[in-house]
């Protein structure tokens, strides 16, 4: 590979495969610049932090924005991060951000969103893997192949032929799948009713809300004890180098946020990363994923705009209450 590109001979004529263009925000050459080369990226330009405000308005269409925030003072981050966030959102570009552990709350408060790929005290392998993931093309969305003016014919439930508009087959398929799912659910409920005359409770987020009496029985001490029991395992199995056997950041964060909710306390992003019990980069990746899944909600700090707090969504909180009550009965 030379200058981020390579030439391949095709059957008819040669063509050039060029790596993804990347714009690096950094005051000096460093590990991220090396990682861009190793990831097969094409470094178009390195912009010093002091020049970001003047440079970004002149640029457009950068596929990947790479930001080295480690070592940058808070005042500079306060001034520049809102600008970076604005351009990243406007261009819907993926952003790779390298930070230190003490910058988590400040930087994540300015750069929320699914397009952010976090690196906290990363290894070179983590840098390279993250850059490759950020530059990967989006997963294609399935579209109806029918052209706009082409119609197919179908029959309605009564056997009458009818025209089908473009785009309708996939929508109709989704509707039918949902109808089948409802039918299966109804049949299962009917069988259960015939056997016991007692309606079953739907699992997951479809569960009926817990009654106030049951809800009041869930105490923060119960959840904290469960967290402590989970952490005890590492004390006994750590001698075998087996701490990673018990890594479950999603569940550990759910427990921590639920305990905080019952205690009436707020949880910062950095605190939640510690509760996850994994490397900060991994924890930040899980926080992003679980926020997209509507399990977590991000609340900006009304006093300090540089900080955000994480909380369970109402549905996730309901699911945690249901779980704690169910476990107690086992």
C-alpha atoms as a PDB file:
ATOM      1  CA  UNK A   1       0.000   0.000   0.000  1.00  0.00           C
ATOM      2  CA  UNK A   2       1.398   3.398  -0.984  1.00  0.00           C
ATOM      3  CA  UNK A   3      -0.113   6.680   0.226  1.00  0.00           C
ATOM      4  CA  UNK A   4      -3.214   4.900   1.402  1.00  0.00           C
ATOM      5  CA  UNK A   5      -4.137   3.478  -2.009  1.00  0.00           C
ATOM      6  CA  UNK A   6      -3.432   0.492  -4.210  1.00  0.00           C
ATOM      7  CA  UNK A   7      -3.916  -0.285  -7.880  1.00  0.00           C
ATOM      8  CA  UNK A   8      -5.646  -3.446  -9.037  1.00  0.00           C
ATOM      9  CA  UNK A   9      -5.716  -4.761 -12.587  1.00  0.00           C
ATOM     10  CA  UNK A  10      -9.204  -5.613 -13.784  1.00  0.00           C
ATOM     11  CA  UNK A  11     -10.368  -7.543 -16.816  1.00  0.00           C
ATOM     12  CA  UNK A  12     -10.889  -4.390 -18.875  1.00  0.00           C
ATOM     13  CA  UNK A  13      -8.810  -1.675 -17.224  1.00  0.00           C
ATOM     14  CA  UNK A  14      -7.002  -0.996 -13.965  1.00  0.00           C
ATOM     15  CA  UNK A  15      -8.735   0.842 -11.151  1.00  0.00           C
ATOM     16  CA  UNK A  16      -7.549   2.371  -7.896  1.00  0.00           C
ATOM     17  CA  UNK A  17      -8.903   1.440  -4.480  1.00  0.00           C
ATOM     18  CA  UNK A  18      -8.448   4.378  -2.118  1.00  0.00           C
ATOM     19  CA  UNK A  19      -8.733   4.156   1.676  1.00  0.00           C
ATOM     20  CA  UNK A  20     -11.375   6.117   3.553  1.00  0.00           C
ATOM     21  CA  UNK A  21     -10.529   9.791   3.895  1.00  0.00           C
ATOM     22  CA  UNK A  22      -9.910  10.853   7.486  1.00  0.00           C
ATOM     23  CA  UNK A  23      -9.509  14.281   9.032  1.00  0.00           C
ATOM     24  CA  UNK A  24      -7.405  14.260  12.197  1.00  0.00           C
ATOM     25  CA  UNK A  25      -7.829  16.843  14.945  1.00  0.00           C
ATOM     26  CA  UNK A  26      -4.541  16.788  16.866  1.00  0.00           C
ATOM     27  CA  UNK A  27      -1.791  19.168  17.855  1.00  0.00           C
ATOM     28  CA  UNK A  28       0.996  16.770  16.919  1.00  0.00           C
ATOM     29  CA  UNK A  29       1.618  13.489  15.186  1.00  0.00           C
ATOM     30  CA  UNK A  30       0.852  10.583  17.482  1.00  0.00           C
ATOM     31  CA  UNK A  31      -0.583   7.083  17.802  1.00  0.00           C
ATOM     32  CA  UNK A  32      -3.823   7.945  16.011  1.00  0.00           C
ATOM     33  CA  UNK A  33      -1.927   9.069  12.925  1.00  0.00           C
ATOM     34  CA  UNK A  34      -0.077   5.752  12.910  1.00  0.00           C
ATOM     35  CA  UNK A  35      -3.356   3.889  13.480  1.00  0.00           C
ATOM     36  CA  UNK A  36      -4.950   5.618  10.479  1.00  0.00           C
ATOM     37  CA  UNK A  37      -2.189   4.287   8.251  1.00  0.00           C
ATOM     38  CA  UNK A  38      -2.420   0.784   9.719  1.00  0.00           C
ATOM     39  CA  UNK A  39      -6.215   0.812   9.313  1.00  0.00           C
ATOM     40  CA  UNK A  40      -5.852   1.546   5.604  1.00  0.00           C
ATOM     41  CA  UNK A  41      -7.195   5.070   5.948  1.00  0.00           C
ATOM     42  CA  UNK A  42      -6.138   8.101   3.966  1.00  0.00           C
ATOM     43  CA  UNK A  43      -5.061  11.017   6.158  1.00  0.00           C
ATOM     44  CA  UNK A  44      -6.181  14.090   4.289  1.00  0.00           C
ATOM     45  CA  UNK A  45      -5.093  16.641   6.835  1.00  0.00           C
ATOM     46  CA  UNK A  46      -4.124  17.118  10.466  1.00  0.00           C
ATOM     47  CA  UNK A  47      -5.738  20.190  11.998  1.00  0.00           C
ATOM     48  CA  UNK A  48      -4.406  21.690  15.263  1.00  0.00           C
ATOM     49  CA  UNK A  49      -7.017  22.344  17.939  1.00  0.00           C
ATOM     50  CA  UNK A  50      -6.408  26.094  17.732  1.00  0.00           C
ATOM     51  CA  UNK A  51      -7.333  26.051  14.020  1.00  0.00           C
ATOM     52  CA  UNK A  52     -10.485  23.908  14.207  1.00  0.00           C
ATOM     53  CA  UNK A  53     -12.947  26.795  14.426  1.00  0.00           C
ATOM     54  CA  UNK A  54     -11.522  28.448  11.300  1.00  0.00           C
ATOM     55  CA  UNK A  55     -10.854  25.249   9.334  1.00  0.00           C
ATOM     56  CA  UNK A  56     -14.035  23.191   9.685  1.00  0.00           C
ATOM     57  CA  UNK A  57     -16.354  25.684   7.920  1.00  0.00           C
ATOM     58  CA  UNK A  58     -14.134  25.352   4.831  1.00  0.00           C
ATOM     59  CA  UNK A  59     -14.413  21.567   4.733  1.00  0.00           C
ATOM     60  CA  UNK A  60     -17.238  19.286   3.694  1.00  0.00           C
ATOM     61  CA  UNK A  61     -17.822  15.623   3.091  1.00  0.00           C
ATOM     62  CA  UNK A  62     -15.154  14.141   5.356  1.00  0.00           C
ATOM     63  CA  UNK A  63     -16.133  10.487   5.840  1.00  0.00           C
ATOM     64  CA  UNK A  64     -14.358  10.038   9.195  1.00  0.00           C
ATOM     65  CA  UNK A  65     -13.456  12.672  11.777  1.00  0.00           C
ATOM     66  CA  UNK A  66     -10.671  11.510  14.116  1.00  0.00           C
ATOM     67  CA  UNK A  67     -10.148  13.491  17.329  1.00  0.00           C
ATOM     68  CA  UNK A  68      -7.182  13.223  19.698  1.00  0.00           C
ATOM     69  CA  UNK A  69      -8.464  14.893  22.885  1.00  0.00           C
ATOM     70  CA  UNK A  70      -5.892  13.394  25.249  1.00  0.00           C
ATOM     71  CA  UNK A  71      -3.705  16.110  26.733  1.00  0.00           C
ATOM     72  CA  UNK A  72      -5.947  18.991  25.613  1.00  0.00           C
ATOM     73  CA  UNK A  73      -6.897  21.384  28.424  1.00  0.00           C
ATOM     74  CA  UNK A  74     -10.524  21.763  29.507  1.00  0.00           C
ATOM     75  CA  UNK A  75     -10.866  25.352  28.295  1.00  0.00           C
ATOM     76  CA  UNK A  76      -9.860  24.367  24.778  1.00  0.00           C
ATOM     77  CA  UNK A  77     -12.246  21.408  24.829  1.00  0.00           C
ATOM     78  CA  UNK A  78     -15.048  23.681  26.051  1.00  0.00           C
ATOM     79  CA  UNK A  79     -14.480  25.996  23.104  1.00  0.00           C
ATOM     80  CA  UNK A  80     -13.984  23.449  20.329  1.00  0.00           C
ATOM     81  CA  UNK A  81     -16.102  20.392  21.165  1.00  0.00           C
ATOM     82  CA  UNK A  82     -19.459  22.119  20.501  1.00  0.00           C
ATOM     83  CA  UNK A  83     -18.169  23.048  17.051  1.00  0.00           C
ATOM     84  CA  UNK A  84     -17.043  19.491  16.356  1.00  0.00           C
ATOM     85  CA  UNK A  85     -20.386  18.147  17.551  1.00  0.00           C
ATOM     86  CA  UNK A  86     -22.292  20.539  15.291  1.00  0.00           C
ATOM     87  CA  UNK A  87     -20.384  19.554  12.155  1.00  0.00           C
ATOM     88  CA  UNK A  88     -20.501  15.856  12.987  1.00  0.00           C
ATOM     89  CA  UNK A  89     -24.281  15.990  13.389  1.00  0.00           C
ATOM     90  CA  UNK A  90     -24.820  18.150  10.308  1.00  0.00           C
ATOM     91  CA  UNK A  91     -22.740  15.879   8.081  1.00  0.00           C
ATOM     92  CA  UNK A  92     -23.792  12.646   9.827  1.00  0.00           C
ATOM     93  CA  UNK A  93     -20.133  11.666   9.782  1.00  0.00           C
ATOM     94  CA  UNK A  94     -18.612   9.009  12.021  1.00  0.00           C
ATOM     95  CA  UNK A  95     -16.332  10.398  14.714  1.00  0.00           C
ATOM     96  CA  UNK A  96     -13.531   8.570  16.524  1.00  0.00           C
ATOM     97  CA  UNK A  97     -12.532  10.280  19.785  1.00  0.00           C
ATOM     98  CA  UNK A  98      -9.534   9.363  21.933  1.00  0.00           C
ATOM     99  CA  UNK A  99      -9.749  10.553  25.550  1.00  0.00           C
ATOM    100  CA  UNK A 100      -8.310   9.848  28.981  1.00  0.00           C
ATOM    101  CA  UNK A 101     -10.353   8.492  31.892  1.00  0.00           C
ATOM    102  CA  UNK A 102     -10.566  11.907  33.579  1.00  0.00           C
ATOM    103  CA  UNK A 103     -12.040  13.443  30.400  1.00  0.00           C
ATOM    104  CA  UNK A 104     -15.011  11.066  30.122  1.00  0.00           C
ATOM    105  CA  UNK A 105     -17.663  13.338  31.633  1.00  0.00           C
ATOM    106  CA  UNK A 106     -16.476  16.477  29.881  1.00  0.00           C
ATOM    107  CA  UNK A 107     -16.105  15.041  26.381  1.00  0.00           C
ATOM    108  CA  UNK A 108     -19.133  12.711  26.396  1.00  0.00           C
ATOM    109  CA  UNK A 109     -21.259  15.631  27.543  1.00  0.00           C
ATOM    110  CA  UNK A 110     -20.466  17.493  24.331  1.00  0.00           C
ATOM    111  CA  UNK A 111     -20.455  14.569  21.903  1.00  0.00           C
ATOM    112  CA  UNK A 112     -23.436  12.302  22.434  1.00  0.00           C
ATOM    113  CA  UNK A 113     -24.817  10.261  19.573  1.00  0.00           C
ATOM    114  CA  UNK A 114     -24.621   6.938  17.806  1.00  0.00           C
ATOM    115  CA  UNK A 115     -21.913   8.093  15.350  1.00  0.00           C
ATOM    116  CA  UNK A 116     -19.319   8.523  18.101  1.00  0.00           C
ATOM    117  CA  UNK A 117     -16.696   5.784  18.509  1.00  0.00           C
ATOM    118  CA  UNK A 118     -14.939   6.128  21.862  1.00  0.00           C
ATOM    119  CA  UNK A 119     -11.337   5.292  22.699  1.00  0.00           C
ATOM    120  CA  UNK A 120     -10.289   5.673  26.339  1.00  0.00           C
ATOM    121  CA  UNK A 121      -6.612   4.989  27.039  1.00  0.00           C
ATOM    122  CA  UNK A 122      -6.632   2.575  24.080  1.00  0.00           C
ATOM    123  CA  UNK A 123      -4.040   0.180  22.770  1.00  0.00           C
ATOM    124  CA  UNK A 124      -2.835   0.483  19.183  1.00  0.00           C
ATOM    125  CA  UNK A 125      -4.919  -2.556  18.239  1.00  0.00           C
ATOM    126  CA  UNK A 126      -8.041  -0.861  19.659  1.00  0.00           C
ATOM    127  CA  UNK A 127      -7.283   2.302  17.711  1.00  0.00           C
ATOM    128  CA  UNK A 128      -6.897   0.420  14.451  1.00  0.00           C
ATOM    129  CA  UNK A 129     -10.007  -1.730  14.978  1.00  0.00           C
ATOM    130  CA  UNK A 130     -12.130   1.303  15.873  1.00  0.00           C
ATOM    131  CA  UNK A 131     -10.973   3.265  12.827  1.00  0.00           C
ATOM    132  CA  UNK A 132     -11.798   0.321  10.571  1.00  0.00           C
ATOM    133  CA  UNK A 133     -15.261   0.026  12.134  1.00  0.00           C
ATOM    134  CA  UNK A 134     -15.909   3.765  11.786  1.00  0.00           C
ATOM    135  CA  UNK A 135     -14.911   3.742   8.115  1.00  0.00           C
ATOM    136  CA  UNK A 136     -17.016   0.695   7.264  1.00  0.00           C
ATOM    137  CA  UNK A 137     -19.974   1.432   4.966  1.00  0.00           C
ATOM    138  CA  UNK A 138     -23.414   1.392   6.598  1.00  0.00           C
ATOM    139  CA  UNK A 139     -25.393  -1.818   6.512  1.00  0.00           C
ATOM    140  CA  UNK A 140     -27.612  -1.697   3.398  1.00  0.00           C
ATOM    141  CA  UNK A 141     -31.339  -1.374   3.916  1.00  0.00           C
ATOM    142  CA  UNK A 142     -33.593  -3.803   2.085  1.00  0.00           C
ATOM    143  CA  UNK A 143     -35.729  -2.033  -0.500  1.00  0.00           C
ATOM    144  CA  UNK A 144     -38.538  -3.262  -2.699  1.00  0.00           C
ATOM    145  CA  UNK A 145     -36.983  -3.893  -6.143  1.00  0.00           C
ATOM    146  CA  UNK A 146     -40.125  -2.939  -8.052  1.00  0.00           C
ATOM    147  CA  UNK A 147     -39.809   0.274 -10.109  1.00  0.00           C
ATOM    148  CA  UNK A 148     -42.160   3.120  -9.313  1.00  0.00           C
ATOM    149  CA  UNK A 149     -44.543   2.566 -12.225  1.00  0.00           C
ATOM    150  CA  UNK A 150     -44.604  -1.209 -12.046  1.00  0.00           C
ATOM    151  CA  UNK A 151     -47.411  -2.889 -10.192  1.00  0.00           C
ATOM    152  CA  UNK A 152     -47.904  -6.506  -9.299  1.00  0.00           C
ATOM    153  CA  UNK A 153     -51.185  -8.211  -8.570  1.00  0.00           C
ATOM    154  CA  UNK A 154     -52.250  -9.970  -5.450  1.00  0.00           C
ATOM    155  CA  UNK A 155     -55.456 -11.370  -4.053  1.00  0.00           C
ATOM    156  CA  UNK A 156     -57.189 -10.118  -0.964  1.00  0.00           C
ATOM    157  CA  UNK A 157     -58.512 -12.476   1.747  1.00  0.00           C
ATOM    158  CA  UNK A 158     -61.733 -12.909  -0.312  1.00  0.00           C
ATOM    159  CA  UNK A 159     -59.916 -14.055  -3.456  1.00  0.00           C
ATOM    160  CA  UNK A 160     -60.374 -10.808  -5.398  1.00  0.00           C
ATOM    161  CA  UNK A 161     -57.454  -9.659  -7.501  1.00  0.00           C
ATOM    162  CA  UNK A 162     -56.088  -6.257  -6.579  1.00  0.00           C
ATOM    163  CA  UNK A 163     -53.137  -4.085  -7.590  1.00  0.00           C
ATOM    164  CA  UNK A 164     -50.180  -3.733  -5.275  1.00  0.00           C
ATOM    165  CA  UNK A 165     -48.414  -0.394  -5.096  1.00  0.00           C
ATOM    166  CA  UNK A 166     -44.613  -0.164  -5.198  1.00  0.00           C
ATOM    167  CA  UNK A 167     -43.091  -0.690  -1.775  1.00  0.00           C
ATOM    168  CA  UNK A 168     -46.188  -2.416  -0.454  1.00  0.00           C
ATOM    169  CA  UNK A 169     -45.011  -6.087  -0.527  1.00  0.00           C
ATOM    170  CA  UNK A 170     -42.415  -5.571   2.200  1.00  0.00           C
ATOM    171  CA  UNK A 171     -44.844  -3.565   4.310  1.00  0.00           C
ATOM    172  CA  UNK A 172     -47.506  -6.223   3.824  1.00  0.00           C
ATOM    173  CA  UNK A 173     -45.017  -8.917   4.813  1.00  0.00           C
ATOM    174  CA  UNK A 174     -44.241  -7.065   8.031  1.00  0.00           C
ATOM    175  CA  UNK A 175     -47.940  -6.748   8.802  1.00  0.00           C
ATOM    176  CA  UNK A 176     -48.531 -10.456   8.190  1.00  0.00           C
ATOM    177  CA  UNK A 177     -45.602 -11.433  10.379  1.00  0.00           C
ATOM    178  CA  UNK A 178     -47.012  -9.267  13.149  1.00  0.00           C
ATOM    179  CA  UNK A 179     -50.438 -10.867  12.700  1.00  0.00           C
ATOM    180  CA  UNK A 180     -48.936 -14.344  12.948  1.00  0.00           C
ATOM    181  CA  UNK A 181     -47.070 -13.340  16.104  1.00  0.00           C
ATOM    182  CA  UNK A 182     -50.268 -12.033  17.651  1.00  0.00           C
ATOM    183  CA  UNK A 183     -52.105 -15.196  16.662  1.00  0.00           C
ATOM    184  CA  UNK A 184     -49.467 -17.400  18.277  1.00  0.00           C
ATOM    185  CA  UNK A 185     -49.598 -15.240  21.398  1.00  0.00           C
ATOM    186  CA  UNK A 186     -53.393 -15.486  21.542  1.00  0.00           C
ATOM    187  CA  UNK A 187     -53.322 -19.264  21.066  1.00  0.00           C
ATOM    188  CA  UNK A 188     -50.751 -19.640  23.829  1.00  0.00           C
ATOM    189  CA  UNK A 189     -52.852 -17.515  26.154  1.00  0.00           C
ATOM    190  CA  UNK A 190     -56.004 -19.467  25.304  1.00  0.00           C
ATOM    191  CA  UNK A 191     -54.292 -22.773  26.089  1.00  0.00           C
ATOM    192  CA  UNK A 192     -53.101 -21.403  29.399  1.00  0.00           C
ATOM    193  CA  UNK A 193     -56.564 -20.102  30.270  1.00  0.00           C
ATOM    194  CA  UNK A 194     -58.151 -23.447  29.493  1.00  0.00           C
ATOM    195  CA  UNK A 195     -55.764 -25.151  31.886  1.00  0.00           C
ATOM    196  CA  UNK A 196     -55.836 -22.723  34.791  1.00  0.00           C
ATOM    197  CA  UNK A 197     -58.405 -19.995  34.055  1.00  0.00           C
ATOM    198  CA  UNK A 198     -55.683 -17.510  34.947  1.00  0.00           C
ATOM    199  CA  UNK A 199     -54.297 -15.167  32.277  1.00  0.00           C
ATOM    200  CA  UNK A 200     -50.553 -15.327  31.811  1.00  0.00           C
ATOM    201  CA  UNK A 201     -48.289 -12.338  32.032  1.00  0.00           C
ATOM    202  CA  UNK A 202     -46.408 -11.318  28.907  1.00  0.00           C
ATOM    203  CA  UNK A 203     -42.628 -11.398  29.294  1.00  0.00           C
ATOM    204  CA  UNK A 204     -40.228  -8.503  28.844  1.00  0.00           C
ATOM    205  CA  UNK A 205     -41.400  -4.982  28.210  1.00  0.00           C
ATOM    206  CA  UNK A 206     -44.933  -6.246  27.551  1.00  0.00           C
ATOM    207  CA  UNK A 207     -45.313  -7.196  31.212  1.00  0.00           C
ATOM    208  CA  UNK A 208     -48.084  -5.649  33.231  1.00  0.00           C
ATOM    209  CA  UNK A 209     -46.889  -2.851  35.508  1.00  0.00           C
ATOM    210  CA  UNK A 210     -46.057  -4.032  38.987  1.00  0.00           C
ATOM    211  CA  UNK A 211     -48.598  -3.069  41.602  1.00  0.00           C
ATOM    212  CA  UNK A 212     -47.647  -0.276  44.044  1.00  0.00           C
ATOM    213  CA  UNK A 213     -47.419  -2.844  46.834  1.00  0.00           C
ATOM    214  CA  UNK A 214     -44.874  -4.924  44.948  1.00  0.00           C
ATOM    215  CA  UNK A 215     -42.960  -1.895  43.768  1.00  0.00           C
ATOM    216  CA  UNK A 216     -42.569  -0.556  47.295  1.00  0.00           C
ATOM    217  CA  UNK A 217     -40.971  -3.825  48.363  1.00  0.00           C
ATOM    218  CA  UNK A 218     -37.959  -3.328  46.101  1.00  0.00           C
ATOM    219  CA  UNK A 219     -35.272  -1.579  48.113  1.00  0.00           C
ATOM    220  CA  UNK A 220     -31.961  -0.130  47.027  1.00  0.00           C
ATOM    221  CA  UNK A 221     -30.192  -2.317  49.592  1.00  0.00           C
ATOM    222  CA  UNK A 222     -31.391  -5.429  47.754  1.00  0.00           C
ATOM    223  CA  UNK A 223     -29.904  -4.240  44.492  1.00  0.00           C
ATOM    224  CA  UNK A 224     -26.659  -3.118  46.112  1.00  0.00           C
ATOM    225  CA  UNK A 225     -26.332  -6.505  47.797  1.00  0.00           C
ATOM    226  CA  UNK A 226     -26.776  -8.201  44.429  1.00  0.00           C
ATOM    227  CA  UNK A 227     -24.041  -5.966  42.985  1.00  0.00           C
ATOM    228  CA  UNK A 228     -21.739  -6.794  45.903  1.00  0.00           C
ATOM    229  CA  UNK A 229     -22.318 -10.517  45.444  1.00  0.00           C
ATOM    230  CA  UNK A 230     -21.404 -10.232  41.763  1.00  0.00           C
ATOM    231  CA  UNK A 231     -18.190  -8.388  42.624  1.00  0.00           C
ATOM    232  CA  UNK A 232     -17.221 -11.010  45.231  1.00  0.00           C
ATOM    233  CA  UNK A 233     -16.650 -13.564  42.496  1.00  0.00           C
ATOM    234  CA  UNK A 234     -13.553 -11.751  41.312  1.00  0.00           C
ATOM    235  CA  UNK A 235     -12.000 -11.928  44.771  1.00  0.00           C
ATOM    236  CA  UNK A 236     -12.067 -15.712  44.711  1.00  0.00           C
ATOM    237  CA  UNK A 237     -11.447 -16.406  41.040  1.00  0.00           C
ATOM    238  CA  UNK A 238      -9.035 -13.570  40.339  1.00  0.00           C
ATOM    239  CA  UNK A 239      -6.157 -15.815  41.397  1.00  0.00           C
ATOM    240  CA  UNK A 240      -6.843 -17.874  38.282  1.00  0.00           C
ATOM    241  CA  UNK A 241      -6.843 -14.817  36.060  1.00  0.00           C
ATOM    242  CA  UNK A 242     -10.541 -15.385  35.547  1.00  0.00           C
ATOM    243  CA  UNK A 243     -12.039 -11.946  36.180  1.00  0.00           C
ATOM    244  CA  UNK A 244     -13.056 -11.717  32.529  1.00  0.00           C
ATOM    245  CA  UNK A 245     -15.229 -14.797  33.010  1.00  0.00           C
ATOM    246  CA  UNK A 246     -17.740 -12.627  34.860  1.00  0.00           C
ATOM    247  CA  UNK A 247     -17.730  -9.536  32.681  1.00  0.00           C
ATOM    248  CA  UNK A 248     -21.296  -8.515  31.975  1.00  0.00           C
ATOM    249  CA  UNK A 249     -21.246  -4.727  31.537  1.00  0.00           C
ATOM    250  CA  UNK A 250     -24.838  -4.431  30.337  1.00  0.00           C
ATOM    251  CA  UNK A 251     -26.263  -6.117  33.430  1.00  0.00           C
ATOM    252  CA  UNK A 252     -23.857  -4.417  35.845  1.00  0.00           C
ATOM    253  CA  UNK A 253     -24.860  -1.001  34.513  1.00  0.00           C
ATOM    254  CA  UNK A 254     -28.562  -1.839  34.674  1.00  0.00           C
ATOM    255  CA  UNK A 255     -28.169  -2.833  38.319  1.00  0.00           C
ATOM    256  CA  UNK A 256     -26.172   0.288  39.173  1.00  0.00           C
ATOM    257  CA  UNK A 257     -28.652   2.654  37.544  1.00  0.00           C
ATOM    258  CA  UNK A 258     -31.610   0.919  39.173  1.00  0.00           C
ATOM    259  CA  UNK A 259     -30.001   1.134  42.618  1.00  0.00           C
ATOM    260  CA  UNK A 260     -29.279   4.825  42.024  1.00  0.00           C
ATOM    261  CA  UNK A 261     -32.891   5.376  40.954  1.00  0.00           C
ATOM    262  CA  UNK A 262     -34.156   3.821  44.195  1.00  0.00           C
ATOM    263  CA  UNK A 263     -31.679   5.902  46.204  1.00  0.00           C
ATOM    264  CA  UNK A 264     -32.631   9.090  44.387  1.00  0.00           C
ATOM    265  CA  UNK A 265     -29.057   9.760  43.257  1.00  0.00           C
ATOM    266  CA  UNK A 266     -27.638  10.678  39.853  1.00  0.00           C
ATOM    267  CA  UNK A 267     -25.009   8.719  37.955  1.00  0.00           C
ATOM    268  CA  UNK A 268     -22.430  10.392  35.726  1.00  0.00           C
ATOM    269  CA  UNK A 269     -21.080   8.724  32.610  1.00  0.00           C
ATOM    270  CA  UNK A 270     -17.687   8.146  34.231  1.00  0.00           C
ATOM    271  CA  UNK A 271     -19.300   6.593  37.306  1.00  0.00           C
ATOM    272  CA  UNK A 272     -21.339   4.274  35.105  1.00  0.00           C
ATOM    273  CA  UNK A 273     -18.168   3.223  33.289  1.00  0.00           C
ATOM    274  CA  UNK A 274     -16.656   2.208  36.638  1.00  0.00           C
ATOM    275  CA  UNK A 275     -19.810   0.261  37.531  1.00  0.00           C
ATOM    276  CA  UNK A 276     -19.542  -1.655  34.244  1.00  0.00           C
ATOM    277  CA  UNK A 277     -16.376  -3.337  35.474  1.00  0.00           C
ATOM    278  CA  UNK A 278     -14.696  -3.332  32.059  1.00  0.00           C
ATOM    279  CA  UNK A 279     -12.265  -1.114  30.193  1.00  0.00           C
ATOM    280  CA  UNK A 280     -13.614   2.440  29.715  1.00  0.00           C
ATOM    281  CA  UNK A 281     -13.641   2.081  25.912  1.00  0.00           C
ATOM    282  CA  UNK A 282     -15.802  -1.030  26.211  1.00  0.00           C
ATOM    283  CA  UNK A 283     -18.069   0.612  28.775  1.00  0.00           C
ATOM    284  CA  UNK A 284     -18.606   3.683  26.584  1.00  0.00           C
ATOM    285  CA  UNK A 285     -19.450   1.432  23.648  1.00  0.00           C
ATOM    286  CA  UNK A 286     -22.074  -0.356  25.751  1.00  0.00           C
ATOM    287  CA  UNK A 287     -23.535   2.918  27.014  1.00  0.00           C
ATOM    288  CA  UNK A 288     -23.988   4.082  23.418  1.00  0.00           C
ATOM    289  CA  UNK A 289     -25.569   0.779  22.418  1.00  0.00           C
ATOM    290  CA  UNK A 290     -27.969   0.652  25.373  1.00  0.00           C
ATOM    291  CA  UNK A 291     -28.977   4.266  24.837  1.00  0.00           C
ATOM    292  CA  UNK A 292     -29.851   3.384  21.229  1.00  0.00           C
ATOM    293  CA  UNK A 293     -31.892   0.443  22.549  1.00  0.00           C
ATOM    294  CA  UNK A 294     -33.923   2.852  24.735  1.00  0.00           C
ATOM    295  CA  UNK A 295     -32.666   1.220  27.932  1.00  0.00           C
ATOM    296  CA  UNK A 296     -30.727   4.303  29.050  1.00  0.00           C
ATOM    297  CA  UNK A 297     -31.658   7.968  28.919  1.00  0.00           C
ATOM    298  CA  UNK A 298     -29.138  10.787  28.912  1.00  0.00           C
ATOM    299  CA  UNK A 299     -29.945  13.872  31.025  1.00  0.00           C
ATOM    300  CA  UNK A 300     -27.742  16.961  30.595  1.00  0.00           C
ATOM    301  CA  UNK A 301     -26.691  18.567  33.862  1.00  0.00           C
ATOM    302  CA  UNK A 302     -28.722  21.803  34.125  1.00  0.00           C
ATOM    303  CA  UNK A 303     -25.960  23.390  36.202  1.00  0.00           C
ATOM    304  CA  UNK A 304     -22.857  22.228  34.321  1.00  0.00           C
ATOM    305  CA  UNK A 305     -23.347  21.872  30.569  1.00  0.00           C
ATOM    306  CA  UNK A 306     -20.108  19.914  30.366  1.00  0.00           C
ATOM    307  CA  UNK A 307     -21.585  16.955  32.198  1.00  0.00           C
ATOM    308  CA  UNK A 308     -24.446  14.525  31.613  1.00  0.00           C
ATOM    309  CA  UNK A 309     -26.138  11.969  33.821  1.00  0.00           C
ATOM    310  CA  UNK A 310     -27.413   8.551  32.813  1.00  0.00           C
ATOM    311  CA  UNK A 311     -30.679   6.974  33.998  1.00  0.00           C
ATOM    312  CA  UNK A 312     -32.903   4.041  33.184  1.00  0.00           C
ATOM    313  CA  UNK A 313     -35.727   4.614  30.758  1.00  0.00           C
ATOM    314  CA  UNK A 314     -39.216   4.114  32.254  1.00  0.00           C
ATOM    315  CA  UNK A 315     -39.608   0.769  30.466  1.00  0.00           C
ATOM    316  CA  UNK A 316     -36.190  -0.443  31.628  1.00  0.00           C
ATOM    317  CA  UNK A 317     -37.003   0.610  35.187  1.00  0.00           C
ATOM    318  CA  UNK A 318     -40.279  -1.290  35.008  1.00  0.00           C
ATOM    319  CA  UNK A 319     -38.466  -4.368  33.747  1.00  0.00           C
ATOM    320  CA  UNK A 320     -35.947  -4.168  36.605  1.00  0.00           C
ATOM    321  CA  UNK A 321     -38.743  -3.920  39.182  1.00  0.00           C
ATOM    322  CA  UNK A 322     -40.446  -6.924  37.649  1.00  0.00           C
ATOM    323  CA  UNK A 323     -37.190  -8.886  37.702  1.00  0.00           C
ATOM    324  CA  UNK A 324     -36.409  -8.099  41.337  1.00  0.00           C
ATOM    325  CA  UNK A 325     -39.909  -9.089  42.466  1.00  0.00           C
ATOM    326  CA  UNK A 326     -39.805 -12.306  40.413  1.00  0.00           C
ATOM    327  CA  UNK A 327     -36.372 -13.301  41.747  1.00  0.00           C
ATOM    328  CA  UNK A 328     -37.507 -12.790  45.323  1.00  0.00           C
ATOM    329  CA  UNK A 329     -40.304 -15.297  44.812  1.00  0.00           C
ATOM    330  CA  UNK A 330     -38.008 -18.035  43.467  1.00  0.00           C
END
